[in-house]
N, C-alpha and C. Protein backbone atom coordinates (compact mmCIF):
# COMPACT_ATOMS: atom_id res chain seq x y z
N UNK A 1 33.18 24.47 -4.15
CA UNK A 1 33.56 23.79 -5.37
C UNK A 1 34.15 22.40 -5.13
N UNK A 2 34.93 22.28 -4.06
CA UNK A 2 35.56 21.03 -3.74
C UNK A 2 34.61 19.94 -3.36
N UNK A 3 33.47 20.40 -2.70
CA UNK A 3 32.50 19.42 -2.26
C UNK A 3 31.79 18.71 -3.45
N UNK A 4 31.72 19.43 -4.58
CA UNK A 4 31.05 18.77 -5.72
C UNK A 4 31.71 17.48 -6.19
N UNK A 5 33.07 17.39 -5.87
CA UNK A 5 33.75 16.10 -6.26
C UNK A 5 33.16 14.97 -5.64
N UNK A 6 32.58 15.11 -4.38
CA UNK A 6 31.98 13.96 -3.70
C UNK A 6 30.47 13.95 -3.87
N UNK A 7 29.77 15.02 -4.08
CA UNK A 7 28.41 15.08 -4.19
C UNK A 7 27.87 14.55 -5.51
N UNK A 8 28.45 14.96 -6.59
CA UNK A 8 27.99 14.57 -7.95
C UNK A 8 28.10 13.08 -8.19
N UNK A 9 29.21 12.40 -7.82
CA UNK A 9 29.18 10.88 -7.95
C UNK A 9 28.28 10.24 -6.99
N UNK A 10 27.98 10.85 -5.85
CA UNK A 10 26.98 10.26 -4.98
C UNK A 10 25.57 10.35 -5.52
N UNK A 11 25.25 11.49 -6.14
CA UNK A 11 23.90 11.63 -6.78
C UNK A 11 23.82 10.68 -7.97
N UNK A 12 24.88 10.53 -8.71
CA UNK A 12 24.88 9.54 -9.84
C UNK A 12 24.62 8.18 -9.32
N UNK A 13 25.31 7.77 -8.27
CA UNK A 13 25.16 6.47 -7.72
C UNK A 13 23.79 6.15 -7.18
N UNK A 14 23.21 7.12 -6.54
CA UNK A 14 21.81 6.99 -6.05
C UNK A 14 20.84 6.87 -7.24
N UNK A 15 21.01 7.70 -8.27
CA UNK A 15 20.15 7.60 -9.42
C UNK A 15 20.27 6.22 -10.05
N UNK A 16 21.46 5.72 -10.11
CA UNK A 16 21.64 4.42 -10.78
C UNK A 16 21.02 3.30 -9.94
N UNK A 17 21.10 3.33 -8.68
CA UNK A 17 20.50 2.39 -7.76
C UNK A 17 19.01 2.43 -7.87
N UNK A 18 18.41 3.62 -7.86
CA UNK A 18 16.98 3.81 -8.07
C UNK A 18 16.54 3.21 -9.42
N UNK A 19 17.35 3.45 -10.44
CA UNK A 19 16.96 2.99 -11.79
C UNK A 19 17.07 1.47 -11.82
N UNK A 20 18.03 0.88 -11.18
CA UNK A 20 18.13 -0.56 -11.15
C UNK A 20 16.92 -1.18 -10.45
N UNK A 21 16.46 -0.57 -9.32
CA UNK A 21 15.30 -1.01 -8.65
C UNK A 21 14.04 -0.92 -9.53
N UNK A 22 13.88 0.27 -10.23
CA UNK A 22 12.76 0.45 -11.08
C UNK A 22 12.72 -0.55 -12.19
N UNK A 23 13.95 -0.79 -12.79
CA UNK A 23 13.98 -1.71 -13.89
C UNK A 23 13.64 -3.16 -13.48
N UNK A 24 13.94 -3.46 -12.22
CA UNK A 24 13.68 -4.75 -11.68
C UNK A 24 12.17 -4.97 -11.41
N UNK A 25 11.47 -3.91 -10.99
CA UNK A 25 10.09 -4.03 -10.52
C UNK A 25 8.99 -3.46 -11.42
N UNK A 26 9.37 -2.70 -12.41
CA UNK A 26 8.43 -2.09 -13.31
C UNK A 26 8.44 -2.91 -14.61
N UNK A 27 7.37 -3.45 -14.95
CA UNK A 27 7.32 -4.38 -16.07
C UNK A 27 7.62 -3.68 -17.40
N UNK A 28 7.25 -2.40 -17.52
CA UNK A 28 7.46 -1.63 -18.78
C UNK A 28 8.93 -1.56 -19.04
N UNK A 29 9.79 -1.21 -18.07
CA UNK A 29 11.19 -1.07 -18.26
C UNK A 29 11.83 -2.43 -18.59
N UNK A 30 11.31 -3.51 -17.97
CA UNK A 30 11.82 -4.84 -18.27
C UNK A 30 11.54 -5.30 -19.72
N UNK A 31 10.34 -5.04 -20.11
CA UNK A 31 9.95 -5.47 -21.48
C UNK A 31 10.59 -4.70 -22.56
N UNK A 32 10.91 -3.44 -22.38
CA UNK A 32 11.55 -2.60 -23.38
C UNK A 32 13.03 -2.81 -23.40
N UNK A 33 13.62 -3.54 -22.42
CA UNK A 33 15.02 -3.77 -22.37
C UNK A 33 15.78 -2.49 -22.26
N UNK A 34 15.33 -1.52 -21.59
CA UNK A 34 15.97 -0.18 -21.43
C UNK A 34 17.06 -0.31 -20.37
N UNK A 35 18.25 0.08 -20.65
CA UNK A 35 19.34 -0.04 -19.65
C UNK A 35 19.11 0.85 -18.47
N UNK A 36 19.65 0.45 -17.32
CA UNK A 36 19.44 1.19 -16.08
C UNK A 36 20.08 2.54 -16.19
N UNK A 37 21.14 2.69 -16.90
CA UNK A 37 21.85 3.99 -17.04
C UNK A 37 20.98 4.99 -17.80
N UNK A 38 20.24 4.52 -18.80
CA UNK A 38 19.31 5.43 -19.48
C UNK A 38 18.22 5.86 -18.61
N UNK A 39 17.69 4.98 -17.81
CA UNK A 39 16.59 5.31 -16.83
C UNK A 39 17.16 6.38 -15.82
N UNK A 40 18.32 6.11 -15.35
CA UNK A 40 18.99 7.08 -14.42
C UNK A 40 19.16 8.37 -15.02
N UNK A 41 19.56 8.48 -16.25
CA UNK A 41 19.75 9.71 -17.01
C UNK A 41 18.41 10.44 -17.13
N UNK A 42 17.35 9.75 -17.42
CA UNK A 42 16.07 10.38 -17.61
C UNK A 42 15.57 10.98 -16.24
N UNK A 43 15.79 10.14 -15.12
CA UNK A 43 15.39 10.60 -13.83
C UNK A 43 16.14 11.92 -13.48
N UNK A 44 17.51 11.82 -13.69
CA UNK A 44 18.36 12.98 -13.37
C UNK A 44 17.96 14.19 -14.21
N UNK A 45 17.64 13.99 -15.48
CA UNK A 45 17.21 15.12 -16.39
C UNK A 45 15.98 15.73 -15.79
N UNK A 46 15.02 14.92 -15.39
CA UNK A 46 13.75 15.44 -14.83
C UNK A 46 13.98 16.20 -13.52
N UNK A 47 14.80 15.61 -12.63
CA UNK A 47 15.03 16.24 -11.36
C UNK A 47 15.81 17.51 -11.51
N UNK A 48 16.72 17.59 -12.49
CA UNK A 48 17.48 18.88 -12.71
C UNK A 48 16.61 19.94 -13.28
N UNK A 49 15.69 19.60 -14.19
CA UNK A 49 14.81 20.58 -14.79
C UNK A 49 13.67 21.06 -13.90
N UNK A 50 13.34 20.24 -12.87
CA UNK A 50 12.32 20.68 -11.94
C UNK A 50 12.90 21.41 -10.80
N UNK A 51 14.17 21.48 -10.63
CA UNK A 51 14.88 22.14 -9.58
C UNK A 51 15.13 21.37 -8.33
N UNK A 52 14.86 20.08 -8.34
CA UNK A 52 15.10 19.27 -7.19
C UNK A 52 16.65 19.12 -6.94
N UNK A 53 17.34 18.91 -8.01
CA UNK A 53 18.83 18.87 -8.02
C UNK A 53 19.30 20.22 -8.55
N UNK A 54 19.97 21.07 -7.69
CA UNK A 54 20.40 22.32 -8.12
C UNK A 54 21.54 22.23 -9.14
N UNK A 55 21.44 23.04 -10.21
CA UNK A 55 22.51 23.15 -11.22
C UNK A 55 23.15 24.48 -11.09
N UNK A 56 24.43 24.53 -10.89
CA UNK A 56 25.13 25.80 -10.75
C UNK A 56 25.79 26.20 -11.97
């Protein structure tokens, strides 16, 4: 349980960095003016529902 204090913010940081990269390089995200945090949330939602990120 104590490890989650460090793992969850790390996962959030990685998702945000990936979404910033995607927003910079994918024209669709740039043209729609979608914030990087929304993109990170969508990626996290997909990864949690597919079981890539385990949810306890």
